[in-house]
Amino acid sequence: MGSPGLRPLLLVLLDCCASVSAQAAATPPVTTEGFNSTEAARMTLRPALSPRPPRTPKAPGPFSGPRPTPVTDVAALCVCDLSPAQCDVNCCCDPDCSPVDFSVFSACSVPSVTGDSQFCSQKAAIYSLNFTANPPQRIFKLVDQINPSIFCIHITNYKPALSFINPEVPDENNFDKLMETSDGFSLNSESEISFTIQSDAPDTAKYEYGVRLQTSDSFLRFPSPLTSSLCTDDNSAAFLVNQAVKCTRRINLAQCEEIEALGMAYYSSPKILRVPGLRTKAEIPITVQSILMESLNKTLARLEDTDVLNQTLVEAGDVKICTNVVLEVRYSLTYTDAGEITKADLSLLLGTVSSAMLPLEQKFEIRFIQQNTKPVPLSGNPGYVVGLPLAAGFQPQKGSGIIQTMNRYGQLTILRSTAEKDCLALEGIRTPVLFGYDMQSGCKLRLTKAITCQLAVQKVKSLLKGHGFPDYVAPFGNSRAQDVLDWVPIHFITQAPHMKDSCQLPVALVIEVKWTKYGSLLNPQAKIVNVTANLIASSFPETNSGNERTVLISTAVTFVDVSAPAEAGFRARPTINAKLPFNFFFPFV
């Protein structure tokens, strides 16, 4: 015997299944329409069901009724159309795309657009491409999709549940009613004053990251390739977005004087707005800093005059060349921390173009520099790059940050070898320690009989360590000075023979740098994990003959790769989450 309330529930579920099956078996025909065709084709989607004998029609049940009206017209919805008045690549539903654009598409990024997936029956817009046609065509189909789940919405008996509730905005007519239904609120004088001041304050405009740079008439043009290597002049420069691109132009050399993108004035004439929206007394002119001229044999010459030069067509018989054509453009924009442009510099490379150089290749670059700051070059980002100097420094007191010299090639150095091999002549001449480069250098130190051992020890130590030998080395090429705990300390070890009553003279400094490959196997980053400085000493040489003693002084740097071999790993077995979604019984509960 079952529960008395179980039979009505089973009847309700069976009735839902019968309604869905009947609806699937009687799906009306739908229309398949191509965007480039004039006639509509008819097609019917039916599930593969086994034939059943006819039965007596059943009276309408409690869940029978009209199908829900779709809230969204999927035929007019295009979720990948992100650029207004421009064709988005691989967006087949973009109305701005033409058959010419379809020729560069690879596939539809959004092949289908559907409505609410909780309906038992819903409209779906299907997009595809026909590459066999010339030009390629996009194919559009509007079909009915059947939801196979028994927990689906069959009829719309509560229309407000199909959309979010619009909040009621208080006004002079409904304010009293909203006051009665709310829990009450309070206002103090401080909040009222601050709100008034904030609302009356003028809206200060400023550039933010990614915002297009505005000019007096439009936006700052920054040509770049879009779907191919061809230059697109509609692209604009964005604030704080450093770019370096190259693209090609297919031009007719006889019309080079008429093409604006080949002329110098196309890039130097715009005036950038200091802040977006303000056009009065806020225009920053573009200053031409340098012009390089490239000849046909690739020789370069710098022009003293920075006046605007126009491209000129020169004909010598059947040979045509165009002079003063822009080959490279480099913008350098200075900005403040308040988001204002204060200076705009331009460097150009002009050249002579012949028919053998077509299609023409142009390079464009834009860099942003903050005002009153000097960019600090890095030795890697994040891992060290082979051939760049090691970042090192010292900590003056506990709790402070790392102090580094402004010259990054002088932070960790060793002796530099010369032809004379005289240590006294080499004093102060150092060579930087470059990552990944094993180096060795040395010199000869001549000691007179009058020089004592203690004086010689001080002299040799200053030669080996140099001025201001660091205490820490940065683990990465972009490590920050304030992250002291991340820096690797230099372990200083002194090796000397155990002899009593003898003066030990340092003769060699050997620096060993251990590094490992850090991160992904596809793009490992070099990280320094240990640095050891071995100061090797020997007994002070005695004078055998004459008044001079010669001591060989040497320094060496070795890099040791201590990377552990990568081990294959497997993810943990997935666990089954048996919890039902919160809208599982929607709209029944």
Protein backbone atom coordinates (compact mmCIF):
# COMPACT_ATOMS: atom_id res chain seq x y z
CA MET A 1 0.00 0.00 0.00
CA GLY A 2 1.35 3.34 -0.95
CA SER A 3 0.81 6.68 0.61
CA PRO A 4 -2.61 8.23 -0.15
CA GLY A 5 -0.95 11.41 -1.42
CA LEU A 6 1.39 9.57 -3.80
CA ARG A 7 -1.23 8.63 -6.44
CA PRO A 8 -2.25 12.24 -7.24
CA LEU A 9 1.46 13.17 -7.62
CA LEU A 10 2.10 10.30 -10.01
CA LEU A 11 -0.97 11.25 -12.02
CA VAL A 12 0.32 14.81 -12.31
CA LEU A 13 3.76 13.63 -13.54
CA LEU A 14 2.20 11.15 -16.01
CA ASP A 15 -0.05 13.89 -17.30
CA CYS A 16 3.00 16.15 -17.82
CA CYS A 17 4.75 13.36 -19.73
CA ALA A 18 1.71 12.80 -21.91
CA SER A 19 1.47 16.53 -22.65
CA VAL A 20 5.14 16.73 -23.64
CA SER A 21 4.88 13.63 -25.85
CA ALA A 22 1.76 14.89 -27.56
CA GLN A 23 3.39 18.26 -28.11
CA ALA A 24 6.54 16.67 -29.57
CA ALA A 25 4.52 14.49 -31.91
CA ALA A 26 2.61 17.47 -33.25
CA THR A 27 5.38 20.00 -33.68
CA PRO A 28 4.36 22.50 -36.36
CA PRO A 29 6.64 23.11 -39.35
CA VAL A 30 9.27 25.83 -38.98
CA THR A 31 10.98 28.14 -41.44
CA THR A 32 14.57 27.92 -42.60
CA GLU A 33 15.76 31.21 -44.08
CA GLY A 34 19.06 32.20 -45.63
CA PHE A 35 20.21 35.82 -45.39
CA ASN A 36 21.19 35.80 -49.05
CA SER A 37 18.16 33.88 -50.40
CA THR A 38 14.75 35.17 -51.43
CA GLU A 39 12.63 32.06 -50.80
CA ALA A 40 11.95 30.37 -47.49
CA ALA A 41 12.22 26.62 -47.13
CA ARG A 42 9.99 24.57 -44.90
CA MET A 43 11.26 21.93 -42.56
CA THR A 44 9.74 19.93 -39.72
CA LEU A 45 11.64 18.59 -36.71
CA ARG A 46 10.12 15.48 -35.14
CA PRO A 47 11.68 13.16 -32.59
CA ALA A 48 12.32 9.59 -33.68
CA LEU A 49 9.35 7.83 -32.06
CA SER A 50 8.04 4.36 -32.71
CA PRO A 51 4.54 4.24 -34.25
CA ARG A 52 1.69 3.92 -31.80
CA PRO A 53 -1.92 2.91 -32.35
CA PRO A 54 -4.45 5.74 -32.33
CA ARG A 55 -6.31 6.33 -29.12
CA THR A 56 -9.30 8.26 -27.98
CA PRO A 57 -8.61 11.98 -27.49
CA LYS A 58 -8.27 12.91 -23.88
CA ALA A 59 -10.09 15.74 -22.24
CA PRO A 60 -7.95 18.79 -21.48
CA GLY A 61 -6.13 18.33 -18.20
CA PRO A 62 -5.38 20.91 -15.59
CA PHE A 63 -2.01 21.73 -17.24
CA SER A 64 -3.24 22.16 -20.80
CA GLY A 65 -3.28 25.62 -22.26
CA PRO A 66 -1.52 27.95 -24.65
CA ARG A 67 2.24 27.71 -25.08
CA PRO A 68 4.27 30.42 -23.36
CA THR A 69 5.01 33.45 -25.46
CA PRO A 70 8.79 33.97 -25.75
CA VAL A 71 9.99 37.08 -23.95
CA THR A 72 13.02 37.51 -26.23
CA ASP A 73 13.01 37.43 -30.02
CA VAL A 74 15.98 35.14 -30.64
CA ALA A 75 16.02 36.08 -34.34
CA ALA A 76 16.90 39.68 -33.42
CA LEU A 77 19.33 38.76 -30.61
CA CYS A 78 23.08 38.73 -31.31
CA VAL A 79 25.23 38.18 -28.23
CA CYS A 80 28.57 38.46 -30.09
CA ASP A 81 27.82 41.86 -31.70
CA LEU A 82 30.13 43.92 -29.47
CA SER A 83 31.31 46.68 -31.83
CA PRO A 84 28.71 49.19 -33.03
CA ALA A 85 28.69 49.88 -36.77
CA GLN A 86 31.55 47.39 -37.26
CA CYS A 87 31.70 43.73 -38.17
CA ASP A 88 32.84 41.45 -35.35
CA VAL A 89 35.07 38.60 -36.47
CA ASN A 90 33.31 35.20 -36.64
CA CYS A 91 30.02 36.76 -35.45
CA CYS A 92 27.57 35.31 -37.99
CA CYS A 93 24.54 37.14 -36.54
CA ASP A 94 26.16 40.60 -36.75
CA PRO A 95 24.02 42.68 -39.15
CA ASP A 96 27.04 44.89 -39.95
CA CYS A 97 28.90 41.99 -41.64
CA SER A 98 28.88 41.76 -45.44
CA PRO A 99 29.73 38.86 -47.78
CA VAL A 100 33.25 40.26 -48.06
CA ASP A 101 33.65 39.88 -44.29
CA PHE A 102 32.39 36.28 -44.44
CA SER A 103 35.36 35.35 -46.66
CA VAL A 104 37.73 35.80 -43.69
CA PHE A 105 35.51 34.00 -41.16
CA SER A 106 36.66 30.58 -39.94
CA ALA A 107 33.44 29.53 -38.16
CA CYS A 108 30.49 30.98 -36.29
CA SER A 109 31.54 31.86 -32.73
CA VAL A 110 27.88 31.64 -31.63
CA PRO A 111 26.24 28.96 -33.79
CA SER A 112 22.86 29.08 -32.02
CA VAL A 113 20.86 31.54 -29.93
CA THR A 114 18.08 30.20 -27.70
CA GLY A 115 15.62 31.66 -25.25
CA ASP A 116 14.71 30.34 -21.81
CA SER A 117 15.91 26.75 -21.47
CA GLN A 118 13.24 25.95 -18.86
CA PHE A 119 10.41 26.02 -21.43
CA CYS A 120 9.21 22.71 -22.86
CA SER A 121 9.27 24.29 -26.33
CA GLN A 122 11.37 27.25 -27.37
CA LYS A 123 12.61 29.02 -30.48
CA ALA A 124 16.24 28.69 -31.55
CA ALA A 125 18.15 30.73 -34.15
CA ILE A 126 20.75 28.57 -35.94
CA TYR A 127 23.62 30.22 -37.85
CA SER A 128 26.11 28.58 -40.20
CA LEU A 129 28.37 29.50 -43.13
CA ASN A 130 28.33 28.22 -46.70
CA PHE A 131 31.91 28.42 -47.92
CA THR A 132 31.13 26.74 -51.25
CA ALA A 133 29.30 29.85 -52.46
CA ASN A 134 31.20 32.74 -54.01
CA PRO A 135 31.15 34.99 -52.08
CA PRO A 136 30.51 32.90 -48.91
CA GLN A 137 27.01 33.13 -47.44
CA ARG A 138 25.62 32.81 -43.97
CA ILE A 139 22.61 30.56 -43.44
CA PHE A 140 19.94 31.36 -40.87
CA LYS A 141 17.36 28.91 -39.54
CA LEU A 142 14.61 29.52 -36.98
CA VAL A 143 13.54 26.19 -35.48
CA ASP A 144 11.54 24.85 -32.54
CA GLN A 145 13.51 22.96 -29.92
CA ILE A 146 11.88 20.46 -27.56
CA ASN A 147 13.08 20.20 -23.97
CA PRO A 148 13.38 16.48 -23.13
CA SER A 149 13.14 17.07 -19.38
CA ILE A 150 9.81 16.39 -17.66
CA PHE A 151 10.50 19.31 -15.33
CA CYS A 152 9.85 22.12 -17.80
CA ILE A 153 7.43 25.01 -18.15
CA HIS A 154 4.49 24.00 -20.35
CA ILE A 155 2.14 26.94 -19.92
CA THR A 156 2.55 30.47 -18.67
CA ASN A 157 0.23 30.86 -15.72
CA TYR A 158 2.24 33.58 -13.99
CA LYS A 159 3.66 36.12 -16.44
CA PRO A 160 5.63 38.22 -13.88
CA ALA A 161 7.83 35.13 -13.32
CA LEU A 162 9.20 35.47 -16.86
CA SER A 163 11.18 38.64 -16.10
CA PHE A 164 12.75 40.49 -13.23
CA ILE A 165 10.55 42.83 -11.24
CA ASN A 166 11.20 46.48 -12.02
CA PRO A 167 11.74 48.37 -8.76
CA GLU A 168 9.30 51.14 -8.03
CA VAL A 169 11.06 54.49 -8.03
CA PRO A 170 9.85 56.85 -5.30
CA ASP A 171 8.24 60.08 -6.45
CA GLU A 172 5.88 62.66 -5.03
CA ASN A 173 2.84 60.48 -5.78
CA ASN A 174 3.86 57.14 -4.25
CA PHE A 175 6.24 58.29 -1.52
CA ASP A 176 3.71 57.98 1.28
CA LYS A 177 2.67 54.50 0.17
CA LEU A 178 6.29 53.30 0.07
CA MET A 179 6.88 54.78 3.51
CA GLU A 180 4.07 52.67 4.93
CA THR A 181 5.32 49.41 3.40
CA SER A 182 9.00 49.95 4.27
CA ASP A 183 10.63 49.26 7.62
CA GLY A 184 11.56 52.90 7.96
CA PHE A 185 14.83 54.72 7.61
CA SER A 186 16.60 57.70 9.09
CA LEU A 187 18.75 60.49 7.71
CA ASN A 188 21.29 62.50 9.63
CA SER A 189 22.57 65.94 8.90
CA GLU A 190 26.06 64.76 7.92
CA SER A 191 24.80 62.44 5.21
CA GLU A 192 22.49 65.13 3.85
CA ILE A 193 25.34 67.64 3.68
CA SER A 194 27.74 65.21 2.05
CA PHE A 195 25.12 64.17 -0.50
CA THR A 196 24.41 67.76 -1.40
CA ILE A 197 28.06 68.61 -1.80
CA GLN A 198 28.69 65.54 -3.92
CA SER A 199 25.75 66.23 -6.23
CA ASP A 200 26.70 69.88 -6.72
CA ALA A 201 30.37 69.14 -7.38
CA PRO A 202 31.43 69.32 -11.03
CA ASP A 203 32.12 66.08 -12.80
CA THR A 204 35.90 66.02 -13.41
CA ALA A 205 36.69 64.11 -16.59
CA LYS A 206 39.82 62.03 -16.89
CA TYR A 207 41.25 59.26 -19.01
CA GLU A 208 41.01 55.74 -17.64
CA TYR A 209 42.73 52.57 -18.75
CA GLY A 210 41.53 51.41 -22.15
CA VAL A 211 39.61 54.62 -22.98
CA ARG A 212 40.17 55.83 -26.55
CA LEU A 213 42.27 58.97 -26.86
CA GLN A 214 40.18 61.84 -28.17
CA THR A 215 41.36 64.52 -30.55
CA SER A 216 39.85 67.83 -31.57
CA ASP A 217 37.88 66.21 -34.40
CA SER A 218 37.76 62.47 -33.61
CA PHE A 219 40.08 59.92 -32.03
CA LEU A 220 43.84 59.40 -32.30
CA ARG A 221 44.28 57.00 -35.20
CA PHE A 222 46.57 54.02 -34.65
CA PRO A 223 46.58 51.74 -37.73
CA SER A 224 46.81 48.03 -36.97
CA PRO A 225 45.97 44.70 -38.61
CA LEU A 226 42.50 43.30 -37.95
CA THR A 227 41.59 40.00 -39.57
CA SER A 228 44.58 39.95 -41.90
CA SER A 229 47.94 41.67 -42.25
CA LEU A 230 46.37 44.68 -44.01
CA CYS A 231 46.33 47.98 -42.14
CA THR A 232 43.01 49.17 -40.70
CA ASP A 233 42.91 52.94 -40.17
CA ASP A 234 39.70 52.86 -38.12
CA ASN A 235 41.56 51.57 -35.05
CA SER A 236 42.22 54.14 -32.32
CA ALA A 237 44.84 54.38 -29.58
CA ALA A 238 43.76 53.54 -26.03
CA PHE A 239 44.99 55.18 -22.82
CA LEU A 240 47.86 53.30 -21.08
CA VAL A 241 47.76 50.52 -23.69
CA ASN A 242 51.29 50.19 -25.07
CA GLN A 243 51.27 48.72 -28.57
CA ALA A 244 53.78 47.82 -31.25
CA VAL A 245 52.33 46.45 -34.48
CA LYS A 246 53.19 46.18 -38.16
CA CYS A 247 50.86 45.86 -41.12
CA THR A 248 50.92 46.10 -44.90
CA ARG A 249 49.18 48.32 -47.45
CA ARG A 250 48.27 47.45 -51.01
CA ILE A 251 48.67 50.73 -52.87
CA ASN A 252 48.92 52.02 -56.39
CA LEU A 253 52.27 53.76 -56.61
CA ALA A 254 50.92 56.25 -59.13
CA GLN A 255 48.39 57.47 -56.52
CA CYS A 256 50.75 57.68 -53.54
CA GLU A 257 50.32 61.46 -53.27
CA GLU A 258 46.56 61.01 -52.71
CA ILE A 259 46.82 58.40 -49.91
CA GLU A 260 46.68 60.23 -46.57
CA ALA A 261 48.04 57.32 -44.52
CA LEU A 262 51.37 57.59 -46.36
CA GLY A 263 51.89 61.25 -45.45
CA MET A 264 53.54 62.72 -42.41
CA ALA A 265 50.68 65.14 -41.71
CA TYR A 266 48.27 62.23 -41.17
CA TYR A 267 50.07 61.41 -37.90
CA SER A 268 51.41 64.81 -36.77
CA SER A 269 48.43 67.10 -37.37
CA PRO A 270 45.88 65.75 -34.80
CA LYS A 271 45.60 67.57 -31.47
CA ILE A 272 44.95 65.31 -28.48
CA LEU A 273 42.51 66.45 -25.80
CA ARG A 274 44.11 66.76 -22.38
CA VAL A 275 41.05 65.11 -20.81
CA PRO A 276 38.11 63.56 -22.67
CA GLY A 277 35.20 65.87 -23.42
CA LEU A 278 36.95 69.22 -22.87
CA ARG A 279 37.75 70.98 -26.15
CA THR A 280 38.55 74.51 -24.91
CA LYS A 281 42.17 75.29 -24.01
CA ALA A 282 42.85 71.58 -23.48
CA GLU A 283 44.37 70.50 -26.79
CA ILE A 284 47.86 68.98 -26.77
CA PRO A 285 49.65 69.31 -30.14
CA ILE A 286 51.84 66.46 -31.35
CA THR A 287 55.50 67.53 -31.44
CA VAL A 288 57.77 65.92 -34.01
CA GLN A 289 60.98 65.05 -32.17
CA SER A 290 62.99 63.36 -34.93
CA ILE A 291 62.75 62.38 -38.59
CA LEU A 292 64.92 59.67 -40.10
CA MET A 293 65.18 59.33 -43.88
CA GLU A 294 65.78 55.91 -45.42
CA SER A 295 67.04 55.59 -48.99
CA LEU A 296 66.46 52.75 -51.43
CA ASN A 297 69.77 51.12 -50.41
CA LYS A 298 68.63 51.15 -46.72
CA THR A 299 70.99 53.90 -45.54
CA LEU A 300 69.65 56.20 -42.82
CA ALA A 301 70.09 59.95 -42.41
CA ARG A 302 68.63 62.22 -39.73
CA LEU A 303 66.95 65.43 -40.84
CA GLU A 304 67.65 68.56 -38.87
CA ASP A 305 64.39 70.18 -39.90
CA THR A 306 61.16 68.72 -38.49
CA ASP A 307 58.75 70.50 -40.82
CA VAL A 308 55.97 68.51 -42.44
CA LEU A 309 57.06 66.77 -45.64
CA ASN A 310 54.57 65.61 -48.25
CA GLN A 311 54.99 62.42 -50.22
CA THR A 312 56.05 63.07 -53.83
CA LEU A 313 55.81 60.88 -56.91
CA VAL A 314 58.96 60.86 -59.08
CA GLU A 315 58.92 59.36 -62.58
CA ALA A 316 61.98 58.49 -64.61
CA GLY A 317 60.81 56.79 -67.77
CA ASP A 318 58.95 53.64 -66.83
CA VAL A 319 60.32 53.70 -63.28
CA LYS A 320 58.15 55.27 -60.60
CA ILE A 321 59.17 55.96 -57.02
CA CYS A 322 57.45 57.77 -54.16
CA THR A 323 59.52 59.78 -51.70
CA ASN A 324 58.84 60.93 -48.12
CA VAL A 325 56.58 57.94 -47.43
CA VAL A 326 55.95 57.11 -43.75
CA LEU A 327 57.48 53.73 -42.88
CA GLU A 328 57.53 53.84 -39.07
CA VAL A 329 55.57 55.87 -36.51
CA ARG A 330 56.44 56.08 -32.80
CA TYR A 331 54.23 57.96 -30.35
CA SER A 332 55.42 58.84 -26.84
CA LEU A 333 52.67 60.26 -24.63
CA THR A 334 53.27 61.71 -21.17
CA TYR A 335 50.43 61.54 -18.64
CA THR A 336 49.77 62.44 -15.01
CA ASP A 337 48.42 60.25 -12.22
CA ALA A 338 45.18 62.25 -12.52
CA GLY A 339 44.54 60.78 -15.98
CA GLU A 340 45.55 63.81 -18.09
CA ILE A 341 47.71 63.93 -21.21
CA THR A 342 50.41 66.58 -20.85
CA LYS A 343 52.76 65.92 -23.77
CA ALA A 344 52.74 64.08 -27.10
CA ASP A 345 55.96 63.34 -29.00
CA LEU A 346 56.33 61.74 -32.42
CA SER A 347 59.29 60.08 -34.15
CA LEU A 348 59.04 59.16 -37.82
CA LEU A 349 60.94 57.09 -40.33
CA LEU A 350 60.40 58.28 -43.90
CA GLY A 351 61.61 56.46 -46.96
CA THR A 352 61.52 56.06 -50.69
CA VAL A 353 59.23 53.36 -52.03
CA SER A 354 59.54 51.63 -55.39
CA SER A 355 57.31 49.06 -57.05
CA ALA A 356 59.62 46.29 -55.80
CA MET A 357 58.70 47.15 -52.18
CA LEU A 358 54.96 46.63 -52.65
CA PRO A 359 52.90 45.73 -50.72
CA LEU A 360 54.23 48.39 -48.36
CA GLU A 361 54.94 47.42 -44.73
CA GLN A 362 54.48 50.03 -41.99
CA LYS A 363 55.30 49.83 -38.27
CA PHE A 364 53.44 51.66 -35.51
CA GLU A 365 54.31 52.00 -31.85
CA ILE A 366 52.83 53.93 -28.93
CA ARG A 367 54.22 54.22 -25.39
CA PHE A 368 52.88 55.96 -22.28
CA ILE A 369 55.25 57.53 -19.72
CA GLN A 370 54.08 58.92 -16.40
CA GLN A 371 55.09 62.51 -15.66
CA ASN A 372 58.01 63.14 -13.28
CA THR A 373 58.94 59.44 -13.23
CA LYS A 374 61.83 57.59 -14.81
CA PRO A 375 61.11 54.06 -16.00
CA VAL A 376 63.31 51.42 -14.37
CA PRO A 377 64.41 48.65 -16.74
CA LEU A 378 63.94 45.09 -15.51
CA SER A 379 66.15 42.02 -15.86
CA GLY A 380 63.12 39.86 -16.58
CA ASN A 381 59.38 39.70 -16.11
CA PRO A 382 59.12 37.73 -13.96
CA GLY A 383 62.03 35.30 -14.52
CA TYR A 384 65.57 36.39 -15.36
CA VAL A 385 66.55 36.71 -19.01
CA VAL A 386 69.93 35.32 -20.05
CA GLY A 387 72.44 38.12 -20.57
CA LEU A 388 70.79 40.71 -18.30
CA PRO A 389 72.43 41.82 -15.01
CA LEU A 390 71.47 40.40 -11.63
CA ALA A 391 69.43 42.75 -9.44
CA ALA A 392 71.13 43.12 -6.05
CA GLY A 393 71.24 45.49 -3.08
CA PHE A 394 71.74 45.78 0.64
CA GLN A 395 69.53 46.39 3.67
CA PRO A 396 70.87 49.27 5.79
CA GLN A 397 68.85 48.33 8.87
CA LYS A 398 66.39 45.67 9.92
CA GLY A 399 62.86 46.40 8.79
CA SER A 400 63.84 48.67 5.92
CA GLY A 401 63.63 47.91 2.21
CA ILE A 402 66.40 46.92 -0.18
CA ILE A 403 68.64 49.77 -1.33
CA GLN A 404 69.84 49.52 -4.94
CA THR A 405 72.10 51.71 -7.05
CA MET A 406 70.55 53.50 -10.01
CA ASN A 407 73.05 51.79 -12.33
CA ARG A 408 71.67 48.26 -12.64
CA TYR A 409 74.94 47.13 -14.29
CA GLY A 410 76.81 48.06 -11.11
CA GLN A 411 74.76 46.26 -8.46
CA LEU A 412 76.76 42.98 -8.49
CA THR A 413 80.17 43.09 -10.20
CA ILE A 414 83.51 41.30 -10.39
CA LEU A 415 87.00 42.25 -11.59
CA ARG A 416 87.48 43.06 -15.25
CA SER A 417 90.50 41.55 -16.98
CA THR A 418 92.76 43.76 -19.06
CA ALA A 419 95.85 43.21 -21.16
CA GLU A 420 98.14 44.70 -18.51
CA LYS A 421 96.94 42.29 -15.78
CA ASP A 422 97.86 44.89 -13.18
CA CYS A 423 95.52 44.87 -10.19
CA LEU A 424 96.41 48.41 -9.15
CA ALA A 425 95.45 49.69 -12.60
CA LEU A 426 92.19 47.73 -12.45
CA GLU A 427 91.00 49.26 -9.20
CA GLY A 428 87.51 50.60 -9.73
CA ILE A 429 87.08 48.90 -13.15
CA ARG A 430 84.37 46.25 -12.79
CA THR A 431 82.19 44.10 -15.04
CA PRO A 432 78.58 43.20 -14.18
CA VAL A 433 77.45 39.67 -13.35
CA LEU A 434 75.09 38.65 -16.15
CA PHE A 435 72.54 35.91 -15.64
CA GLY A 436 73.50 32.61 -17.24
CA TYR A 437 77.06 33.69 -18.10
CA ASP A 438 79.91 31.89 -16.33
CA MET A 439 82.80 34.33 -16.08
CA GLN A 440 86.34 34.35 -14.75
CA SER A 441 88.83 37.21 -14.47
CA GLY A 442 92.08 37.93 -12.71
CA CYS A 443 95.12 40.14 -12.29
CA LYS A 444 98.55 40.26 -10.72
CA LEU A 445 99.30 42.18 -7.55
CA ARG A 446 102.91 43.16 -6.92
CA LEU A 447 103.71 43.65 -3.25
CA THR A 448 106.85 45.39 -2.11
CA LYS A 449 108.78 44.26 0.91
CA ALA A 450 107.61 47.31 2.85
CA ILE A 451 103.89 46.35 2.57
CA THR A 452 102.67 44.49 5.63
CA CYS A 453 100.22 41.58 5.53
CA GLN A 454 97.35 43.52 7.16
CA LEU A 455 97.63 46.31 4.60
CA ALA A 456 97.71 43.79 1.76
CA VAL A 457 94.59 42.02 3.10
CA GLN A 458 92.61 45.28 3.08
CA LYS A 459 93.80 46.11 -0.44
CA VAL A 460 92.95 42.67 -1.88
CA LYS A 461 89.52 42.56 -0.23
CA SER A 462 88.58 45.90 -1.79
CA LEU A 463 89.76 44.60 -5.17
CA LEU A 464 87.75 41.38 -4.94
CA LYS A 465 84.49 42.75 -3.50
CA GLY A 466 84.56 46.20 -5.01
CA HIS A 467 82.74 49.19 -3.57
CA GLY A 468 79.47 48.34 -1.81
CA PHE A 469 79.24 44.57 -2.21
CA PRO A 470 75.51 43.68 -1.90
CA ASP A 471 73.88 41.56 0.78
CA TYR A 472 70.82 40.34 -1.19
CA VAL A 473 70.00 39.23 -4.73
CA ALA A 474 66.53 39.47 -6.24
CA PRO A 475 64.92 36.06 -6.92
CA PHE A 476 63.19 37.33 -10.06
CA GLY A 477 64.06 39.97 -12.59
CA ASN A 478 61.08 42.13 -11.53
CA SER A 479 61.26 41.69 -7.74
CA ARG A 480 60.27 44.76 -5.78
CA ALA A 481 62.64 46.35 -3.26
CA GLN A 482 59.99 46.49 -0.53
CA ASP A 483 59.47 42.69 -0.57
CA VAL A 484 62.56 42.01 1.54
CA LEU A 485 61.50 38.52 2.62
CA ASP A 486 61.46 37.36 -1.00
CA TRP A 487 65.07 38.40 -1.69
CA VAL A 488 67.85 35.81 -1.50
CA PRO A 489 70.67 36.58 1.00
CA ILE A 490 74.28 36.17 -0.13
CA HIS A 491 76.04 33.59 2.08
CA PHE A 492 79.66 34.65 2.64
CA ILE A 493 82.12 31.84 3.33
CA THR A 494 85.84 32.25 3.98
CA GLN A 495 88.14 29.33 3.20
CA ALA A 496 91.67 29.45 4.62
CA PRO A 497 94.29 26.84 5.54
CA HIS A 498 94.56 26.04 9.26
CA MET A 499 97.96 27.41 10.08
CA LYS A 500 98.81 29.09 13.33
CA ASP A 501 100.55 32.41 13.56
CA SER A 502 100.32 33.07 9.80
CA CYS A 503 98.63 35.91 7.96
CA GLN A 504 95.93 34.76 5.51
CA LEU A 505 95.74 36.76 2.29
CA PRO A 506 92.53 36.51 0.16
CA VAL A 507 93.40 35.50 -3.38
CA ALA A 508 90.09 34.52 -5.00
CA LEU A 509 86.37 35.23 -4.81
CA VAL A 510 84.09 32.56 -6.29
CA ILE A 511 80.37 33.38 -6.58
CA GLU A 512 78.01 30.45 -7.11
CA VAL A 513 74.44 31.22 -8.18
CA LYS A 514 71.89 28.40 -8.00
CA TRP A 515 68.72 28.87 -10.00
CA THR A 516 65.71 26.78 -10.90
CA LYS A 517 63.00 26.72 -13.53
CA TYR A 518 59.79 27.99 -12.00
CA GLY A 519 56.22 27.75 -13.28
CA SER A 520 54.73 26.02 -16.30
CA LEU A 521 56.68 23.57 -18.45
CA LEU A 522 55.56 25.49 -21.54
CA ASN A 523 57.00 28.80 -20.31
CA PRO A 524 59.38 28.23 -17.37
CA GLN A 525 60.77 31.25 -15.55
CA ALA A 526 64.29 31.48 -14.13
CA LYS A 527 64.33 31.98 -10.35
CA ILE A 528 67.43 32.38 -8.18
CA VAL A 529 67.22 30.25 -5.02
CA ASN A 530 70.71 30.49 -3.50
CA VAL A 531 73.83 32.67 -3.81
CA THR A 532 77.15 31.78 -2.16
CA ALA A 533 80.32 33.89 -2.17
CA ASN A 534 83.47 31.90 -1.30
CA LEU A 535 86.46 34.00 -0.28
CA ILE A 536 89.54 31.81 -0.66
CA ALA A 537 92.65 32.79 1.27
CA SER A 538 96.22 31.51 1.36
CA SER A 539 99.32 32.14 3.40
CA PHE A 540 101.04 35.46 2.91
CA PRO A 541 103.91 34.87 0.47
CA GLU A 542 107.41 35.32 1.74
CA THR A 543 110.09 37.18 -0.18
CA ASN A 544 112.48 34.80 -1.87
CA SER A 545 114.57 37.17 -3.91
CA GLY A 546 114.37 40.86 -4.63
CA ASN A 547 112.05 43.39 -3.09
CA GLU A 548 108.75 42.40 -4.82
CA ARG A 549 106.26 39.60 -4.37
CA THR A 550 103.65 38.71 -7.01
CA VAL A 551 100.21 37.44 -6.01
CA LEU A 552 97.60 36.15 -8.48
CA ILE A 553 94.10 37.52 -7.72
CA SER A 554 91.06 36.02 -9.45
CA THR A 555 87.26 36.19 -9.39
CA ALA A 556 84.78 33.75 -10.88
CA VAL A 557 81.01 33.38 -11.28
CA THR A 558 79.21 30.10 -11.96
CA PHE A 559 75.52 29.43 -12.53
CA VAL A 560 74.15 26.05 -11.46
CA ASP A 561 70.76 24.77 -12.62
CA VAL A 562 69.14 22.95 -9.70
CA SER A 563 65.74 22.42 -11.33
CA ALA A 564 64.01 19.24 -10.24
CA PRO A 565 62.67 17.09 -13.09
CA ALA A 566 58.98 17.53 -13.74
CA GLU A 567 56.74 14.69 -12.60
CA ALA A 568 53.55 13.71 -14.32
CA GLY A 569 50.54 14.37 -12.14
CA PHE A 570 46.90 13.47 -12.30
CA ARG A 571 43.89 15.32 -11.08
CA ALA A 572 41.89 13.99 -8.19
CA ARG A 573 38.86 11.88 -8.94
CA PRO A 574 35.73 14.02 -9.34
CA THR A 575 33.23 13.96 -6.52
CA ILE A 576 29.52 13.80 -7.23
CA ASN A 577 27.56 16.71 -5.82
CA ALA A 578 24.09 15.30 -5.20
CA LYS A 579 22.49 18.62 -4.26
CA LEU A 580 19.62 19.75 -6.45
CA PRO A 581 19.68 23.25 -7.96
CA PHE A 582 17.67 25.91 -6.19
CA ASN A 583 15.21 26.23 -9.12
CA PHE A 584 14.73 22.49 -9.62
CA PHE A 585 10.97 22.58 -8.85
CA PHE A 586 10.41 25.95 -10.55
CA PRO A 587 7.61 27.04 -11.13
CA PHE A 588 5.76 24.46 -9.03
CA VAL A 589 7.29 25.68 -5.75
